Protein backbone atom coordinates (compact mmCIF):
# COMPACT_ATOMS: atom_id res chain seq x y z
CA UNK A 1 0.00 0.00 0.00
CA UNK A 2 2.79 2.42 0.92
CA UNK A 3 4.58 1.49 -2.30
CA UNK A 4 1.45 2.37 -4.33
CA UNK A 5 1.14 5.70 -2.54
CA UNK A 6 4.76 6.56 -3.28
CA UNK A 7 4.23 5.57 -6.92
CA UNK A 8 1.34 8.01 -7.18
CA UNK A 9 3.37 10.81 -5.61
CA UNK A 10 6.37 10.37 -7.91
CA UNK A 11 4.76 12.08 -10.93
CA UNK A 12 4.31 15.17 -8.79
CA UNK A 13 8.00 15.91 -8.78
CA UNK A 14 10.17 17.10 -5.91
CA UNK A 15 9.41 20.76 -6.57
CA UNK A 16 5.64 20.30 -6.24
CA UNK A 17 6.01 18.21 -3.10
CA UNK A 18 8.30 20.85 -1.61
CA UNK A 19 5.84 23.71 -2.22
CA UNK A 20 2.90 21.67 -0.93
CA UNK A 21 4.72 20.73 2.26
CA UNK A 22 5.87 24.32 2.71
CA UNK A 23 2.37 25.72 2.23
CA UNK A 24 0.78 23.19 4.59
CA UNK A 25 3.47 23.86 7.22
CA UNK A 26 3.00 27.63 7.02
CA UNK A 27 -0.75 27.11 7.37
CA UNK A 28 -0.36 25.01 10.55
CA UNK A 29 2.22 27.36 12.05
CA UNK A 30 0.02 30.37 11.34
CA UNK A 31 -3.02 28.81 12.98
CA UNK A 32 -0.85 27.90 15.96
CA UNK A 33 0.10 31.55 16.47
CA UNK A 34 -3.46 32.88 16.40
CA UNK A 35 -4.94 34.02 19.68
CA UNK A 36 -7.26 31.29 20.91
CA UNK A 37 -10.86 32.08 21.67
CA UNK A 38 -11.90 31.66 25.30
CA UNK A 39 -15.30 30.29 24.25
CA UNK A 40 -14.99 27.63 21.51
CA UNK A 41 -18.53 26.46 22.36
CA UNK A 42 -20.20 29.88 22.02
CA UNK A 43 -23.61 30.29 20.28
CA UNK A 44 -24.10 27.89 17.33
CA UNK A 45 -21.15 25.79 18.50
CA UNK A 46 -23.09 24.66 21.58
CA UNK A 47 -25.69 23.01 19.33
CA UNK A 48 -23.09 21.12 17.33
CA UNK A 49 -21.40 20.02 20.56
CA UNK A 50 -24.65 18.95 22.20
CA UNK A 51 -25.55 16.84 19.18
CA UNK A 52 -22.05 15.32 19.05
CA UNK A 53 -22.24 14.26 22.71
CA UNK A 54 -25.68 12.72 22.25
CA UNK A 55 -24.46 10.80 19.21
CA UNK A 56 -21.40 9.55 21.10
CA UNK A 57 -23.26 8.57 24.28
CA UNK A 58 -26.69 7.58 23.04
CA UNK A 59 -26.44 7.15 19.28
CA UNK A 60 -29.16 9.81 18.92
CA UNK A 61 -29.22 13.07 16.95
CA UNK A 62 -30.47 15.72 19.36
CA UNK A 63 -28.59 18.99 19.79
CA UNK A 64 -29.69 19.67 23.37
CA UNK A 65 -27.97 18.20 26.42
CA UNK A 66 -30.40 16.89 29.02
CA UNK A 67 -30.29 16.24 32.73
CA UNK A 68 -28.97 12.75 33.65
CA UNK A 69 -32.44 11.46 34.53
CA UNK A 70 -34.08 12.74 31.33
CA UNK A 71 -34.39 10.42 28.31
CA UNK A 72 -32.60 11.45 25.12
CA UNK A 73 -34.85 10.96 22.11
CA UNK A 74 -34.32 11.73 18.41
CA UNK A 75 -35.23 15.30 17.49
CA UNK A 76 -35.01 17.78 14.63
CA UNK A 77 -31.66 19.49 14.90
CA UNK A 78 -28.98 21.25 12.95
CA UNK A 79 -27.15 19.37 10.21
CA UNK A 80 -25.70 16.14 11.69
CA UNK A 81 -22.52 16.00 9.57
CA UNK A 82 -20.14 17.99 11.78
CA UNK A 83 -21.57 16.61 15.06
CA UNK A 84 -20.97 13.09 13.75
CA UNK A 85 -17.30 13.95 13.17
CA UNK A 86 -17.04 15.64 16.58
CA UNK A 87 -18.62 12.62 18.27
CA UNK A 88 -15.69 10.52 17.06
CA UNK A 89 -13.11 13.16 18.00
CA UNK A 90 -14.52 13.62 21.51
CA UNK A 91 -14.13 9.90 22.18
CA UNK A 92 -10.40 9.97 21.49
CA UNK A 93 -9.71 11.57 24.88
CA UNK A 94 -11.76 12.48 27.94
CA UNK A 95 -13.64 15.40 26.33
CA UNK A 96 -17.02 13.72 26.85
CA UNK A 97 -16.51 13.82 30.61
CA UNK A 98 -15.46 17.48 30.62
CA UNK A 99 -18.41 18.84 28.63
CA UNK A 100 -21.51 19.00 30.80
CA UNK A 101 -24.93 20.56 30.51
CA UNK A 102 -24.18 22.91 33.40
CA UNK A 103 -21.06 24.44 31.89
CA UNK A 104 -22.08 24.34 28.22
CA UNK A 105 -25.14 26.52 28.75
CA UNK A 106 -23.67 28.71 31.50
CA UNK A 107 -20.68 30.50 30.02
CA UNK A 108 -19.01 27.56 28.31
CA UNK A 109 -16.75 24.70 29.32
CA UNK A 110 -13.43 26.47 28.67
CA UNK A 111 -10.91 25.46 26.04
CA UNK A 112 -9.48 22.20 27.39
CA UNK A 113 -12.24 19.85 26.15
CA UNK A 114 -11.87 21.13 22.59
CA UNK A 115 -8.16 20.73 21.92
CA UNK A 116 -8.66 17.75 19.60
CA UNK A 117 -11.63 19.47 17.99
CA UNK A 118 -9.46 22.49 17.23
CA UNK A 119 -6.77 20.27 15.71
CA UNK A 120 -9.40 18.50 13.65
CA UNK A 121 -10.48 21.84 12.20
CA UNK A 122 -6.87 22.73 11.46
CA UNK A 123 -6.22 19.46 9.67
CA UNK A 124 -9.42 19.83 7.65
CA UNK A 125 -8.21 23.21 6.38
CA UNK A 126 -4.78 21.81 5.51
CA UNK A 127 -6.41 18.82 3.80
CA UNK A 128 -8.62 21.18 1.78
CA UNK A 129 -5.45 22.77 0.40
CA UNK A 130 -4.13 19.39 -0.76
CA UNK A 131 -7.48 18.54 -2.32
CA UNK A 132 -7.52 21.82 -4.24
CA UNK A 133 -3.96 21.18 -5.39
CA UNK A 134 -5.04 17.92 -7.02
CA UNK A 135 -8.33 19.40 -8.25
CA UNK A 136 -6.61 22.30 -10.05
CA UNK A 137 -4.00 19.90 -11.41
CA UNK A 138 -6.84 17.83 -12.86
CA UNK A 139 -8.56 20.87 -14.34
CA UNK A 140 -5.52 22.56 -15.89
CA UNK A 141 -2.88 19.86 -16.16
CA UNK A 142 -0.46 22.51 -14.89
CA UNK A 143 1.69 21.79 -11.80
CA UNK A 144 2.31 25.53 -11.51
CA UNK A 145 -1.43 26.26 -11.34
CA UNK A 146 -1.95 23.36 -8.93
CA UNK A 147 0.57 24.78 -6.45
CA UNK A 148 -1.20 28.15 -6.50
CA UNK A 149 -4.54 26.41 -6.04
CA UNK A 150 -3.27 24.77 -2.85
CA UNK A 151 -1.45 27.88 -1.67
CA UNK A 152 -4.65 29.88 -1.93
CA UNK A 153 -6.12 27.74 0.86
CA UNK A 154 -2.96 27.34 2.95
CA UNK A 155 -2.02 31.03 2.95
CA UNK A 156 -5.58 32.29 3.32
CA UNK A 157 -5.09 33.64 6.82
CA UNK A 158 -8.42 35.46 6.91
CA UNK A 159 -10.27 32.19 6.40
CA UNK A 160 -8.36 30.48 9.22
CA UNK A 161 -9.33 32.88 12.00
CA UNK A 162 -12.39 31.01 13.30
CA UNK A 163 -10.84 27.55 13.20
CA UNK A 164 -10.91 27.07 16.98
CA UNK A 165 -14.69 27.49 17.22
CA UNK A 166 -16.54 24.17 17.19
CA UNK A 167 -18.55 25.03 14.08
CA UNK A 168 -18.91 23.27 10.76
CA UNK A 169 -17.10 25.73 8.47
CA UNK A 170 -13.72 23.91 8.24
CA UNK A 171 -15.48 20.63 7.41
CA UNK A 172 -17.65 22.44 4.86
CA UNK A 173 -14.52 23.91 3.23
CA UNK A 174 -12.95 20.46 3.00
CA UNK A 175 -16.09 18.87 1.55
CA UNK A 176 -16.67 21.72 -0.92
CA UNK A 177 -13.07 21.26 -2.09
CA UNK A 178 -13.53 17.50 -2.29
CA UNK A 179 -16.69 18.04 -4.36
CA UNK A 180 -14.64 19.98 -6.93
CA UNK A 181 -11.99 17.25 -7.04
CA UNK A 182 -14.57 14.45 -7.29
CA UNK A 183 -16.35 16.16 -10.21
CA UNK A 184 -13.06 16.52 -12.10
CA UNK A 185 -12.15 12.90 -11.33
CA UNK A 186 -15.54 11.47 -12.36
CA UNK A 187 -15.66 13.61 -15.51
CA UNK A 188 -12.61 11.80 -16.86
CA UNK A 189 -14.07 8.35 -16.28
CA UNK A 190 -16.17 6.53 -18.85
CA UNK A 191 -18.01 4.47 -16.24
CA UNK A 192 -21.22 6.03 -14.79
CA UNK A 193 -20.42 4.30 -11.48
CA UNK A 194 -17.68 6.91 -11.01
CA UNK A 195 -20.39 9.49 -10.31
CA UNK A 196 -21.17 7.77 -7.03
CA UNK A 197 -18.11 9.57 -5.63
CA UNK A 198 -19.21 13.19 -6.30
CA UNK A 199 -22.78 12.31 -5.31
CA UNK A 200 -21.60 10.90 -1.98
CA UNK A 201 -19.46 13.99 -1.36
CA UNK A 202 -22.42 16.21 -2.23
CA UNK A 203 -24.58 14.35 0.30
CA UNK A 204 -21.88 14.83 2.95
CA UNK A 205 -21.72 18.55 2.15
CA UNK A 206 -25.51 18.86 2.36
CA UNK A 207 -25.53 17.10 5.73
CA UNK A 208 -22.95 19.68 6.84
CA UNK A 209 -24.46 22.79 5.22
CA UNK A 210 -28.16 22.25 4.61
CA UNK A 211 -28.44 25.14 2.13
CA UNK A 212 -26.90 22.87 -0.50
CA UNK A 213 -30.19 20.97 -0.65
CA UNK A 214 -31.36 23.93 -2.76
CA UNK A 215 -28.38 23.52 -5.06
CA UNK A 216 -29.41 19.98 -5.99
CA UNK A 217 -32.22 20.91 -8.43
CA UNK A 218 -29.95 23.52 -10.02
CA UNK A 219 -27.19 20.94 -10.43
CA UNK A 220 -29.59 18.43 -11.98
CA UNK A 221 -30.98 21.06 -14.39
CA UNK A 222 -27.43 22.03 -15.39
CA UNK A 223 -26.61 18.34 -15.90
CA UNK A 224 -29.71 17.89 -18.05
CA UNK A 225 -28.73 20.87 -20.22
CA UNK A 226 -25.25 19.43 -20.68
CA UNK A 227 -26.82 16.08 -21.59
CA UNK A 228 -29.08 17.68 -24.21
CA UNK A 229 -26.29 19.78 -25.72
CA UNK A 230 -23.90 16.81 -25.92
CA UNK A 231 -25.59 15.25 -28.95
CA UNK A 232 -23.12 12.43 -29.52
CA UNK A 233 -22.60 11.65 -25.83
CA UNK A 234 -26.13 12.09 -24.49
CA UNK A 235 -26.52 8.41 -23.50
CA UNK A 236 -23.43 8.33 -21.30
CA UNK A 237 -24.19 11.80 -19.90
CA UNK A 238 -27.73 10.73 -19.01
CA UNK A 239 -26.39 7.61 -17.27
CA UNK A 240 -23.96 9.75 -15.27
CA UNK A 241 -26.75 12.15 -14.32
CA UNK A 242 -29.11 9.35 -13.21
CA UNK A 243 -26.43 7.74 -11.02
CA UNK A 244 -25.59 11.08 -9.42
CA UNK A 245 -29.26 11.94 -8.88
CA UNK A 246 -30.14 8.60 -7.28
CA UNK A 247 -27.18 8.57 -4.88
CA UNK A 248 -27.60 12.26 -3.97
CA UNK A 249 -31.38 12.28 -3.50
CA UNK A 250 -31.91 9.00 -1.61
CA UNK A 251 -30.13 9.86 1.70
CA UNK A 252 -31.75 13.30 1.77
CA UNK A 253 -35.23 11.84 1.34
CA UNK A 254 -34.56 9.19 3.99
CA UNK A 255 -33.44 11.87 6.48
CA UNK A 256 -36.50 13.98 5.73
CA UNK A 257 -38.68 10.90 6.25
CA UNK A 258 -36.97 10.36 9.60
CA UNK A 259 -37.78 13.94 10.55
CA UNK A 260 -41.37 13.50 9.39
CA UNK A 261 -41.74 10.59 11.80
CA UNK A 262 -40.71 12.95 14.62
CA UNK A 263 -42.69 16.09 13.81
CA UNK A 264 -45.13 15.16 11.08
CA UNK A 265 -43.39 17.62 8.74
CA UNK A 266 -41.03 16.85 5.89
CA UNK A 267 -38.04 19.03 6.72
CA UNK A 268 -34.30 18.56 6.48
CA UNK A 269 -33.21 20.46 9.61
CA UNK A 270 -34.74 22.52 12.39
CA UNK A 271 -36.66 25.59 11.29
CA UNK A 272 -34.16 28.43 11.05
CA UNK A 273 -35.38 29.77 7.71
CA UNK A 274 -37.62 32.41 9.26
CA UNK A 275 -34.87 34.00 11.34
CA UNK A 276 -32.44 33.85 8.39
CA UNK A 277 -34.96 35.57 6.12
CA UNK A 278 -35.76 38.13 8.80
CA UNK A 279 -32.08 39.11 9.14
CA UNK A 280 -31.95 39.47 5.35
CA UNK A 281 -35.19 41.34 4.59
CA UNK A 282 -34.28 44.22 6.93
CA UNK A 283 -31.59 45.26 4.45
CA UNK A 284 -34.31 45.96 1.90
CA UNK A 285 -35.08 49.06 4.00
CA UNK A 286 -31.79 50.65 2.90
CA UNK A 287 -32.00 53.83 0.83
CA UNK A 288 -29.34 54.88 -1.69
CA UNK A 289 -27.07 56.44 0.94
CA UNK A 290 -27.36 53.34 3.15
CA UNK A 291 -26.59 51.26 0.08
CA UNK A 292 -23.33 53.10 -0.56
CA UNK A 293 -22.48 52.94 3.15
CA UNK A 294 -22.96 49.15 3.11
CA UNK A 295 -20.25 48.67 0.47
CA UNK A 296 -17.95 50.96 2.44
CA UNK A 297 -18.65 49.56 5.91
CA UNK A 298 -18.30 45.90 4.84
CA UNK A 299 -14.90 46.39 3.22
CA UNK A 300 -12.52 44.32 5.32
CA UNK A 301 -10.07 46.16 7.51
CA UNK A 302 -10.69 49.90 7.49
CA UNK A 303 -14.20 49.85 6.00
CA UNK A 304 -16.04 50.80 9.19
CA UNK A 305 -13.64 53.72 9.75
CA UNK A 306 -14.08 54.92 6.18
CA UNK A 307 -17.86 54.73 6.58
CA UNK A 308 -17.71 56.84 9.75
CA UNK A 309 -15.65 59.45 7.92
CA UNK A 310 -17.86 59.52 4.82
CA UNK A 311 -21.39 59.13 6.16
CA UNK A 312 -23.41 60.64 9.03
CA UNK A 313 -23.68 58.62 12.29
CA UNK A 314 -27.36 57.78 11.76
CA UNK A 315 -26.42 55.98 8.53
CA UNK A 316 -23.42 54.05 9.92
CA UNK A 317 -24.79 53.14 13.35
CA UNK A 318 -27.36 50.54 12.16
CA UNK A 319 -24.54 48.42 10.68
CA UNK A 320 -23.15 47.73 14.18
CA UNK A 321 -23.76 44.23 15.50
CA UNK A 322 -25.65 45.01 18.67
CA UNK A 323 -27.16 48.42 17.99
CA UNK A 324 -30.70 48.52 19.37
CA UNK A 325 -32.19 49.71 16.08
CA UNK A 326 -29.49 48.12 13.93
CA UNK A 327 -30.09 45.75 11.05
CA UNK A 328 -28.86 42.67 12.90
CA UNK A 329 -30.94 42.94 16.06
CA UNK A 330 -34.00 44.12 14.16
CA UNK A 331 -33.79 41.03 11.97
CA UNK A 332 -32.70 38.58 14.66
CA UNK A 333 -35.30 39.60 17.25
CA UNK A 334 -38.02 40.80 14.90
CA UNK A 335 -39.01 37.34 13.73
CA UNK A 336 -39.70 36.09 17.26
CA UNK A 337 -41.68 39.23 18.06
CA UNK A 338 -43.84 38.78 14.96
CA UNK A 339 -44.45 35.11 15.82
CA UNK A 340 -45.56 36.13 19.33
CA UNK A 341 -47.92 38.74 17.87
CA UNK A 342 -49.54 36.16 15.58
CA UNK A 343 -49.93 33.68 18.43
CA UNK A 344 -51.58 36.30 20.65
CA UNK A 345 -53.87 37.89 18.06
CA UNK A 346 -54.83 34.89 15.92
CA UNK A 347 -54.64 32.01 18.36
CA UNK A 348 -52.34 29.90 16.19
CA UNK A 349 -49.76 27.47 17.52
CA UNK A 350 -46.14 28.66 17.48
CA UNK A 351 -45.36 26.36 14.54
CA UNK A 352 -48.28 27.74 12.54
CA UNK A 353 -47.40 31.30 13.55
CA UNK A 354 -43.77 30.79 12.48
CA UNK A 355 -44.95 29.47 9.11
CA UNK A 356 -47.18 32.51 8.65
CA UNK A 357 -44.43 34.94 9.68
CA UNK A 358 -42.02 33.28 7.26
CA UNK A 359 -44.59 33.50 4.46
CA UNK A 360 -44.97 37.23 5.17
CA UNK A 361 -41.21 37.66 4.71
CA UNK A 362 -41.29 35.76 1.42
CA UNK A 363 -44.21 37.88 0.24
CA UNK A 364 -42.27 41.02 1.16
CA UNK A 365 -39.43 39.84 -1.10
CA UNK A 366 -41.78 38.97 -3.97
CA UNK A 367 -43.50 42.36 -3.74
CA UNK A 368 -40.19 44.17 -4.32
CA UNK A 369 -38.00 41.72 -6.29
CA UNK A 370 -35.87 44.40 -7.98
CA UNK A 371 -34.97 46.01 -4.67
CA UNK A 372 -34.18 42.62 -3.17
CA UNK A 373 -31.88 41.79 -6.07
CA UNK A 374 -30.21 45.20 -5.76
CA UNK A 375 -29.57 44.82 -2.01
CA UNK A 376 -28.17 41.34 -2.62
CA UNK A 377 -25.12 42.90 -4.32
CA UNK A 378 -23.62 44.57 -1.21
CA UNK A 379 -24.34 41.38 0.75
CA UNK A 380 -22.39 39.36 -1.82
CA UNK A 381 -19.63 41.94 -1.38
CA UNK A 382 -19.83 41.43 2.39
CA UNK A 383 -19.22 37.70 2.02
CA UNK A 384 -16.22 37.77 -0.31
CA UNK A 385 -13.98 39.16 2.42
CA UNK A 386 -13.57 35.72 3.97
CA UNK A 387 -10.89 35.42 1.27
CA UNK A 388 -7.51 36.97 2.08
CA UNK A 389 -7.00 37.56 -1.65
CA UNK A 390 -10.51 38.78 -2.49
CA UNK A 391 -9.29 41.81 -4.46
CA UNK A 392 -7.73 39.33 -6.92
CA UNK A 393 -9.91 36.25 -6.67
CA UNK A 394 -13.40 37.73 -6.84
CA UNK A 395 -12.96 39.60 -10.15
CA UNK A 396 -10.92 36.62 -11.45
CA UNK A 397 -13.76 34.28 -10.46
CA UNK A 398 -16.33 36.37 -12.37
CA UNK A 399 -14.10 36.61 -15.45
CA UNK A 400 -13.44 32.87 -15.33
CA UNK A 401 -17.17 32.19 -15.23
CA UNK A 402 -17.70 34.40 -18.28
CA UNK A 403 -14.82 32.67 -20.07
CA UNK A 404 -16.21 29.22 -19.28
CA UNK A 405 -19.66 30.22 -20.55
CA UNK A 406 -18.34 31.74 -23.77
CA UNK A 407 -16.04 28.82 -24.54
CA UNK A 408 -18.54 26.21 -23.30
CA UNK A 409 -16.01 24.79 -20.88
CA UNK A 410 -18.47 22.47 -19.17
CA UNK A 411 -16.02 20.96 -16.66
CA UNK A 412 -14.91 24.42 -15.56
CA UNK A 413 -18.51 25.54 -15.21
CA UNK A 414 -19.37 22.43 -13.20
CA UNK A 415 -16.64 23.06 -10.63
CA UNK A 416 -17.36 26.79 -10.34
CA UNK A 417 -21.14 26.49 -9.91
CA UNK A 418 -21.12 25.27 -6.26
CA UNK A 419 -19.08 28.33 -5.23
CA UNK A 420 -21.29 30.65 -7.27
CA UNK A 421 -24.32 29.15 -5.54
CA UNK A 422 -22.75 29.80 -2.14
CA UNK A 423 -22.07 33.45 -3.00
CA UNK A 424 -25.56 34.15 -4.33
CA UNK A 425 -27.77 31.99 -2.10
CA UNK A 426 -26.43 33.15 1.27
CA UNK A 427 -26.58 36.79 0.16
CA UNK A 428 -30.13 36.38 -1.14
CA UNK A 429 -31.60 34.67 1.91
CA UNK A 430 -29.41 35.56 4.90
CA UNK A 431 -27.24 38.34 6.32
CA UNK A 432 -24.22 36.60 4.72
CA UNK A 433 -21.48 37.19 7.26
CA UNK A 434 -18.07 36.41 5.79
CA UNK A 435 -17.62 32.95 7.33
CA UNK A 436 -20.69 31.69 5.45
CA UNK A 437 -18.56 31.86 2.32
CA UNK A 438 -16.02 29.25 3.37
CA UNK A 439 -17.78 27.07 0.79
CA UNK A 440 -17.05 29.64 -1.93
CA UNK A 441 -13.28 29.38 -1.40
CA UNK A 442 -12.74 26.39 -3.77
CA UNK A 443 -14.05 28.49 -6.67
CA UNK A 444 -11.82 31.36 -5.62
CA UNK A 445 -8.92 28.93 -5.38
CA UNK A 446 -9.45 27.85 -8.98
CA UNK A 447 -9.70 31.50 -10.05
CA UNK A 448 -6.49 32.30 -8.16
CA UNK A 449 -4.68 29.50 -9.98
CA UNK A 450 -5.87 30.71 -13.40
CA UNK A 451 -4.86 34.26 -12.45
CA UNK A 452 -1.36 33.05 -11.55
CA UNK A 453 -1.05 31.28 -14.93
CA UNK A 454 -2.25 34.42 -16.70
CA UNK A 455 0.28 36.61 -14.85
CA UNK A 456 3.08 34.17 -15.65
CA UNK A 457 2.09 34.23 -19.33
CA UNK A 458 2.08 38.03 -19.40
CA UNK A 459 5.45 38.14 -17.64
CA UNK A 460 6.89 35.64 -20.13
CA UNK A 461 5.59 37.67 -23.09
CA UNK A 462 6.99 40.88 -21.62
CA UNK A 463 10.36 39.21 -21.03
CA UNK A 464 10.42 37.81 -24.57
CA UNK A 465 9.51 41.23 -25.97
CA UNK A 466 12.30 42.85 -23.97
CA UNK A 467 14.83 40.32 -25.24
CA UNK A 468 13.75 40.87 -28.86
CA UNK A 469 13.98 44.64 -28.46
CA UNK A 470 17.41 44.35 -26.86
CA UNK A 471 18.62 42.05 -29.65
CA UNK A 472 17.41 44.49 -32.32
CA UNK A 473 19.14 47.42 -30.61
CA UNK A 474 22.42 45.48 -30.47
CA UNK A 475 22.08 44.53 -34.14
CA UNK A 476 21.41 48.12 -35.18
CA UNK A 477 24.32 49.34 -33.10
């Protein structure tokens, strides 16, 4: 087995191995120097942790820790993918004994129980870099581009900053990267069975980030279009599509059926859509000045300072996280208030009231679709700053998409679409804080690699031109 692994690594060459090892080492060293958070189990993390402990101790998905004498029964929870991984990690040491209900919900259990969890997140980020190295190598055939594809992940310090929180983003980054690699790998195979691999990775990503359930119909429509356009290869393309669809859809339907048995409703995760929509719809209240301030304020680094210099306080203040009349708290708390109003005035159950409140938010979007689309643009801009190299990668990503469409580069389109979906979907239906776009990084990584190849080509042409000019001057002299 080791001999086979070495045989596969040999074609990489010593130079590629050197740069990959260097990039991965820098990534680990960098994360080791970051200031550790004092509360790795804060907010959403407590739900993932609770579910992980219940899986480890009881084999049950339920994201709430109970008192010792209370039974633990299956419930609707967050996505089970990351908790399943954590449940294995927590059993490698004594973390399960150190995380209790009392500490988890009363200020946190400190940092000691999460050391292995933190290292798991680190290794997932490093592994994502290796996966993108091989994915870009498969797309371009260029070792030079492949190195830059991996380096984009390894040197992306901005994306590493939340790695010590027990949240699903590092796993989502790894799986989104693996999805790109698996698509490239399966595309080169003539056997439809190969598409089991990308379908299985897609299922894993969906069970880690539930929003990708909405990407599935888009992916199948795109696959059908490719099948129709590929006149001579439509039979094999259709076989590939059917294998992918069956493997991707079946586990999702089974999980929704499991949830239906619990609540009587076909749903994939707990109902967080209303709150997400509420935190998004409030931005539709922005006027033109607010709109300009949003682009300024959400620029990473000095953006908030620039906004304070350029705009009056009443415009800038609502962008603050915990401002009483700010966008975040209005959206976060407003949904619950509206649900309470409906319960009190109409006598509905909380579930029915939440459904009605969510429908009101959807209707508000549909009544002003142009404004909603317009306000999605600054929210997309907000999300791109998870990338350390956003000033290069975002415009490169857009240009690469246009290039792929014009040249009908179907493989390139296929690997860029998941990242495009991440950018647009989160900005359309949530407040799109930067960490949500960890799943967009693989597309940016590909764009970064193509940009590096383009720069090298331009530099080579400039150098050749200089040599020709110098030769002519010598000849004329």
